[in-house]
Amino acid sequence: MDRGDLPPQAPATTTRETDPGRIRDHNDGSRHTGGINPPTQPNPQQTRATAKFDSLHRVTIKGLRHTHATLLLELGEHPKVVQERLGHSTITTTMNIYSHVTPTMQRSAVDRFAAHLGL
């Protein structure tokens, strides 16, 4: 088949202009990746909703994991259970990290023992 048998080609367009998944340049200098244009002004309802949480302490996933383990130990959960929940390979790892909970656990043990003796 030689070039004379092919239909005429459509005007050239670039994938950059036609593929919505690619970045497009606009005449005003802005760029976006397709779909709905991002808002130029913040949504007032969203601003009010997020302002309610600005004063709250931010908690990381690591912080949440640490709090979870600490509370379990303070509630009297067996350290082996906590070790397994955290995925630590040994109980030593768990107890080294959460040794700050031990005084609370010791006081609780004394209180329970005294209550058992009727003191």
N, C-alpha and C. Protein backbone atom coordinates (compact mmCIF):
# COMPACT_ATOMS: atom_id res chain seq x y z
N MET A 1 0.85 -1.16 0.00
CA MET A 1 0.00 0.00 0.00
C MET A 1 0.89 1.22 0.00
N ASP A 2 0.73 2.10 -0.94
CA ASP A 2 1.55 3.31 -0.95
C ASP A 2 0.78 4.46 -0.35
N ARG A 3 1.42 5.56 -0.11
CA ARG A 3 0.82 6.71 0.56
C ARG A 3 -0.38 7.26 -0.17
N GLY A 4 -0.50 7.05 -1.43
CA GLY A 4 -1.62 7.56 -2.20
C GLY A 4 -2.93 6.86 -1.86
N ASP A 5 -2.86 5.63 -1.30
CA ASP A 5 -4.06 4.88 -0.95
C ASP A 5 -4.63 5.23 0.43
N LEU A 6 -3.90 5.96 1.25
CA LEU A 6 -4.34 6.29 2.60
C LEU A 6 -5.30 7.48 2.57
N PRO A 7 -6.29 7.47 3.48
CA PRO A 7 -7.20 8.62 3.55
C PRO A 7 -6.44 9.84 4.08
N PRO A 8 -6.94 11.03 3.77
CA PRO A 8 -6.25 12.21 4.26
C PRO A 8 -6.27 12.24 5.79
N GLN A 9 -5.22 12.75 6.38
CA GLN A 9 -5.12 12.78 7.84
C GLN A 9 -5.86 13.98 8.40
N ALA A 10 -6.37 13.78 9.62
CA ALA A 10 -7.03 14.87 10.32
C ALA A 10 -5.97 15.86 10.79
N PRO A 11 -6.37 17.08 11.10
CA PRO A 11 -5.39 18.04 11.61
C PRO A 11 -4.68 17.47 12.83
N ALA A 12 -3.43 17.76 12.95
CA ALA A 12 -2.63 17.21 14.04
C ALA A 12 -3.08 17.78 15.38
N THR A 13 -3.29 16.89 16.35
CA THR A 13 -3.56 17.29 17.73
C THR A 13 -2.61 16.49 18.59
N THR A 14 -2.23 17.05 19.69
CA THR A 14 -1.32 16.33 20.57
C THR A 14 -2.11 15.62 21.65
N THR A 15 -1.54 14.54 22.13
CA THR A 15 -2.17 13.82 23.23
C THR A 15 -2.31 14.72 24.44
N ARG A 16 -1.37 15.62 24.59
CA ARG A 16 -1.40 16.55 25.71
C ARG A 16 -2.70 17.38 25.71
N GLU A 17 -3.25 17.67 24.53
CA GLU A 17 -4.46 18.48 24.44
C GLU A 17 -5.73 17.64 24.54
N THR A 18 -5.67 16.38 24.15
CA THR A 18 -6.90 15.60 24.02
C THR A 18 -7.11 14.57 25.12
N ASP A 19 -6.08 14.14 25.80
CA ASP A 19 -6.20 13.10 26.82
C ASP A 19 -6.49 13.76 28.16
N PRO A 20 -7.69 13.52 28.76
CA PRO A 20 -8.03 14.19 30.01
C PRO A 20 -7.14 13.77 31.18
N GLY A 21 -6.41 12.67 31.06
CA GLY A 21 -5.54 12.23 32.14
C GLY A 21 -4.19 12.91 32.13
N ARG A 22 -3.92 13.70 31.13
CA ARG A 22 -2.63 14.38 31.01
C ARG A 22 -2.79 15.85 31.38
N ILE A 23 -1.69 16.49 31.72
CA ILE A 23 -1.73 17.91 32.08
C ILE A 23 -2.03 18.73 30.83
N ARG A 24 -2.93 19.70 30.98
CA ARG A 24 -3.25 20.59 29.87
C ARG A 24 -2.87 22.02 30.23
N ASP A 25 -2.33 22.72 29.26
CA ASP A 25 -2.02 24.13 29.44
C ASP A 25 -3.20 24.94 28.94
N HIS A 26 -3.54 26.00 29.64
CA HIS A 26 -4.64 26.87 29.23
C HIS A 26 -4.08 28.23 28.83
N ASN A 27 -4.87 28.98 28.10
CA ASN A 27 -4.44 30.28 27.62
C ASN A 27 -4.08 31.24 28.75
N ASP A 28 -4.72 31.06 29.93
CA ASP A 28 -4.43 31.98 31.04
C ASP A 28 -3.21 31.55 31.84
N GLY A 29 -2.51 30.53 31.41
CA GLY A 29 -1.31 30.08 32.10
C GLY A 29 -1.54 29.03 33.16
N SER A 30 -2.83 28.74 33.48
CA SER A 30 -3.10 27.73 34.49
C SER A 30 -2.97 26.34 33.88
N ARG A 31 -2.81 25.35 34.74
CA ARG A 31 -2.68 23.96 34.28
C ARG A 31 -3.50 23.08 35.20
N HIS A 32 -4.07 22.03 34.67
CA HIS A 32 -4.73 21.03 35.50
C HIS A 32 -4.70 19.71 34.76
N THR A 33 -5.07 18.64 35.48
CA THR A 33 -4.94 17.30 34.93
C THR A 33 -6.22 16.77 34.32
N GLY A 34 -7.18 17.60 34.08
CA GLY A 34 -8.43 17.14 33.47
C GLY A 34 -9.55 17.07 34.50
N GLY A 35 -10.72 16.79 34.04
CA GLY A 35 -11.85 16.70 34.94
C GLY A 35 -12.33 18.08 35.35
N ILE A 36 -12.88 18.18 36.54
CA ILE A 36 -13.45 19.43 37.04
C ILE A 36 -12.32 20.38 37.41
N ASN A 37 -12.48 21.63 37.03
CA ASN A 37 -11.48 22.63 37.38
C ASN A 37 -11.47 22.83 38.89
N PRO A 38 -10.30 22.99 39.48
CA PRO A 38 -10.25 23.24 40.92
C PRO A 38 -10.87 24.59 41.23
N PRO A 39 -11.51 24.74 42.40
CA PRO A 39 -12.14 26.02 42.73
C PRO A 39 -11.08 27.10 42.92
N THR A 40 -11.44 28.31 42.52
CA THR A 40 -10.49 29.42 42.68
C THR A 40 -10.62 30.04 44.06
N GLN A 41 -11.79 29.93 44.70
CA GLN A 41 -12.02 30.45 46.03
C GLN A 41 -12.36 29.30 46.97
N PRO A 42 -11.93 29.34 48.24
CA PRO A 42 -12.30 28.27 49.16
C PRO A 42 -13.80 28.25 49.40
N ASN A 43 -14.34 27.08 49.57
CA ASN A 43 -15.75 26.89 49.86
C ASN A 43 -16.01 27.35 51.30
N PRO A 44 -16.93 28.30 51.52
CA PRO A 44 -17.17 28.80 52.88
C PRO A 44 -17.62 27.72 53.85
N GLN A 45 -18.44 26.79 53.40
CA GLN A 45 -18.89 25.71 54.28
C GLN A 45 -17.72 24.83 54.69
N GLN A 46 -16.83 24.54 53.74
CA GLN A 46 -15.67 23.71 54.04
C GLN A 46 -14.74 24.45 55.01
N THR A 47 -14.60 25.74 54.82
CA THR A 47 -13.74 26.53 55.70
C THR A 47 -14.27 26.52 57.13
N ARG A 48 -15.59 26.68 57.28
CA ARG A 48 -16.20 26.64 58.62
C ARG A 48 -16.04 25.26 59.24
N ALA A 49 -16.23 24.21 58.45
CA ALA A 49 -16.14 22.84 58.98
C ALA A 49 -14.73 22.52 59.44
N THR A 50 -13.74 22.92 58.68
CA THR A 50 -12.36 22.61 59.07
C THR A 50 -11.90 23.51 60.22
N ALA A 51 -12.46 24.71 60.35
CA ALA A 51 -12.07 25.61 61.44
C ALA A 51 -12.43 25.01 62.80
N LYS A 52 -13.48 24.20 62.86
CA LYS A 52 -13.87 23.57 64.11
C LYS A 52 -12.78 22.65 64.64
N PHE A 53 -11.96 22.10 63.75
CA PHE A 53 -10.97 21.12 64.15
C PHE A 53 -9.57 21.71 64.28
N ASP A 54 -9.40 23.00 64.00
CA ASP A 54 -8.08 23.61 64.06
C ASP A 54 -7.47 23.57 65.46
N SER A 55 -8.30 23.63 66.49
CA SER A 55 -7.77 23.66 67.85
C SER A 55 -7.46 22.27 68.39
N LEU A 56 -7.88 21.23 67.69
CA LEU A 56 -7.62 19.87 68.16
C LEU A 56 -6.18 19.46 67.91
N HIS A 57 -5.67 18.64 68.81
CA HIS A 57 -4.32 18.11 68.68
C HIS A 57 -4.29 17.10 67.54
N ARG A 58 -3.33 17.25 66.65
CA ARG A 58 -3.19 16.31 65.53
C ARG A 58 -2.60 15.01 66.04
N VAL A 59 -3.17 13.89 65.66
CA VAL A 59 -2.69 12.58 66.09
C VAL A 59 -2.22 11.82 64.86
N THR A 60 -1.00 11.34 64.92
CA THR A 60 -0.47 10.54 63.82
C THR A 60 -0.91 9.09 64.00
N ILE A 61 -0.73 8.31 62.96
CA ILE A 61 -1.04 6.87 63.06
C ILE A 61 -0.15 6.23 64.12
N LYS A 62 1.12 6.63 64.16
CA LYS A 62 2.04 6.09 65.16
C LYS A 62 1.56 6.46 66.57
N GLY A 63 1.11 7.71 66.74
CA GLY A 63 0.60 8.15 68.04
C GLY A 63 -0.64 7.38 68.45
N LEU A 64 -1.51 7.11 67.48
CA LEU A 64 -2.72 6.35 67.76
C LEU A 64 -2.38 4.92 68.16
N ARG A 65 -1.40 4.33 67.50
CA ARG A 65 -0.94 2.97 67.83
C ARG A 65 -0.38 2.94 69.24
N HIS A 66 0.42 3.94 69.59
CA HIS A 66 1.03 4.01 70.91
C HIS A 66 -0.04 4.19 71.99
N THR A 67 -1.00 5.07 71.73
CA THR A 67 -2.10 5.28 72.68
C THR A 67 -2.91 4.02 72.87
N HIS A 68 -3.19 3.32 71.79
CA HIS A 68 -3.94 2.07 71.84
C HIS A 68 -3.24 1.07 72.75
N ALA A 69 -1.94 0.89 72.55
CA ALA A 69 -1.18 -0.08 73.35
C ALA A 69 -1.13 0.35 74.82
N THR A 70 -0.89 1.64 75.05
CA THR A 70 -0.81 2.15 76.42
C THR A 70 -2.12 1.93 77.16
N LEU A 71 -3.23 2.27 76.51
CA LEU A 71 -4.54 2.10 77.15
C LEU A 71 -4.85 0.64 77.44
N LEU A 72 -4.50 -0.24 76.51
CA LEU A 72 -4.73 -1.66 76.76
C LEU A 72 -3.96 -2.13 77.99
N LEU A 73 -2.70 -1.73 78.09
CA LEU A 73 -1.91 -2.13 79.26
C LEU A 73 -2.47 -1.52 80.54
N GLU A 74 -2.87 -0.24 80.49
CA GLU A 74 -3.45 0.39 81.68
C GLU A 74 -4.77 -0.26 82.09
N LEU A 75 -5.50 -0.81 81.13
CA LEU A 75 -6.77 -1.47 81.43
C LEU A 75 -6.57 -2.89 81.94
N GLY A 76 -5.30 -3.30 82.02
CA GLY A 76 -5.01 -4.61 82.58
C GLY A 76 -4.90 -5.73 81.56
N GLU A 77 -4.87 -5.39 80.27
CA GLU A 77 -4.70 -6.43 79.25
C GLU A 77 -3.32 -7.05 79.41
N HIS A 78 -3.24 -8.35 79.19
CA HIS A 78 -1.97 -9.05 79.34
C HIS A 78 -0.98 -8.52 78.30
N PRO A 79 0.26 -8.24 78.71
CA PRO A 79 1.26 -7.72 77.76
C PRO A 79 1.48 -8.60 76.54
N LYS A 80 1.29 -9.90 76.68
CA LYS A 80 1.46 -10.80 75.53
C LYS A 80 0.42 -10.49 74.46
N VAL A 81 -0.80 -10.18 74.88
CA VAL A 81 -1.86 -9.83 73.93
C VAL A 81 -1.49 -8.53 73.21
N VAL A 82 -1.00 -7.56 73.97
CA VAL A 82 -0.60 -6.28 73.37
C VAL A 82 0.55 -6.51 72.39
N GLN A 83 1.52 -7.32 72.79
CA GLN A 83 2.64 -7.64 71.90
C GLN A 83 2.15 -8.22 70.58
N GLU A 84 1.22 -9.13 70.64
CA GLU A 84 0.69 -9.76 69.42
C GLU A 84 -0.09 -8.76 68.57
N ARG A 85 -0.86 -7.90 69.22
CA ARG A 85 -1.64 -6.90 68.47
C ARG A 85 -0.73 -5.92 67.75
N LEU A 86 0.40 -5.58 68.37
CA LEU A 86 1.34 -4.64 67.77
C LEU A 86 2.25 -5.30 66.74
N GLY A 87 2.35 -6.62 66.78
CA GLY A 87 3.21 -7.32 65.84
C GLY A 87 4.67 -7.34 66.26
N HIS A 88 4.94 -7.08 67.54
CA HIS A 88 6.32 -7.17 68.02
C HIS A 88 6.76 -8.62 68.06
N SER A 89 8.01 -8.86 67.73
CA SER A 89 8.51 -10.24 67.68
C SER A 89 8.70 -10.84 69.07
N THR A 90 8.98 -9.99 70.05
CA THR A 90 9.16 -10.50 71.42
C THR A 90 8.42 -9.61 72.41
N ILE A 91 8.11 -10.20 73.56
CA ILE A 91 7.47 -9.44 74.64
C ILE A 91 8.43 -8.39 75.19
N THR A 92 9.73 -8.67 75.08
CA THR A 92 10.75 -7.72 75.56
C THR A 92 10.63 -6.39 74.82
N THR A 93 10.44 -6.45 73.51
CA THR A 93 10.29 -5.23 72.72
C THR A 93 9.11 -4.40 73.23
N THR A 94 8.00 -5.06 73.42
CA THR A 94 6.79 -4.37 73.89
C THR A 94 7.02 -3.74 75.25
N MET A 95 7.58 -4.49 76.18
CA MET A 95 7.76 -3.98 77.53
C MET A 95 8.83 -2.90 77.60
N ASN A 96 9.85 -2.96 76.74
CA ASN A 96 10.85 -1.89 76.72
C ASN A 96 10.23 -0.58 76.25
N ILE A 97 9.35 -0.66 75.25
CA ILE A 97 8.72 0.55 74.71
C ILE A 97 7.67 1.10 75.67
N TYR A 98 6.92 0.22 76.31
CA TYR A 98 5.79 0.65 77.14
C TYR A 98 6.08 0.53 78.63
N SER A 99 7.35 0.60 79.01
CA SER A 99 7.71 0.48 80.43
C SER A 99 7.16 1.64 81.25
N HIS A 100 6.86 2.78 80.62
CA HIS A 100 6.30 3.91 81.36
C HIS A 100 4.92 3.59 81.93
N VAL A 101 4.29 2.55 81.42
CA VAL A 101 2.97 2.15 81.90
C VAL A 101 3.10 1.31 83.17
N THR A 102 4.26 0.73 83.39
CA THR A 102 4.47 -0.20 84.50
C THR A 102 4.11 0.40 85.86
N PRO A 103 4.49 1.64 86.19
CA PRO A 103 4.09 2.18 87.50
C PRO A 103 2.57 2.19 87.70
N THR A 104 1.83 2.54 86.66
CA THR A 104 0.36 2.51 86.74
C THR A 104 -0.12 1.09 86.97
N MET A 105 0.49 0.15 86.26
CA MET A 105 0.10 -1.26 86.42
C MET A 105 0.46 -1.77 87.81
N GLN A 106 1.60 -1.33 88.34
CA GLN A 106 2.02 -1.75 89.68
C GLN A 106 1.03 -1.23 90.73
N ARG A 107 0.64 0.03 90.61
CA ARG A 107 -0.29 0.62 91.56
C ARG A 107 -1.64 -0.10 91.49
N SER A 108 -2.07 -0.41 90.29
CA SER A 108 -3.33 -1.12 90.10
C SER A 108 -3.26 -2.51 90.72
N ALA A 109 -2.14 -3.18 90.55
CA ALA A 109 -1.97 -4.52 91.13
C ALA A 109 -2.03 -4.45 92.66
N VAL A 110 -1.39 -3.45 93.24
CA VAL A 110 -1.41 -3.28 94.70
C VAL A 110 -2.83 -3.03 95.18
N ASP A 111 -3.56 -2.17 94.46
CA ASP A 111 -4.95 -1.86 94.84
C ASP A 111 -5.83 -3.10 94.76
N ARG A 112 -5.67 -3.88 93.70
CA ARG A 112 -6.48 -5.11 93.55
C ARG A 112 -6.14 -6.12 94.64
N PHE A 113 -4.85 -6.25 94.95
CA PHE A 113 -4.43 -7.19 95.98
C PHE A 113 -4.96 -6.77 97.34
N ALA A 114 -4.89 -5.47 97.63
CA ALA A 114 -5.41 -4.96 98.92
C ALA A 114 -6.92 -5.18 99.00
N ALA A 115 -7.62 -4.95 97.91
CA ALA A 115 -9.06 -5.17 97.90
C ALA A 115 -9.39 -6.64 98.12
N HIS A 116 -8.59 -7.52 97.57
CA HIS A 116 -8.81 -8.95 97.73
C HIS A 116 -8.61 -9.37 99.19
N LEU A 117 -7.66 -8.74 99.85
CA LEU A 117 -7.40 -9.04 101.26
C LEU A 117 -8.39 -8.33 102.19
N GLY A 118 -9.19 -7.44 101.62
CA GLY A 118 -10.16 -6.71 102.42
C GLY A 118 -9.55 -5.54 103.15
N LEU A 119 -8.45 -5.03 102.68
CA LEU A 119 -7.79 -3.89 103.31
C LEU A 119 -8.28 -2.58 102.78
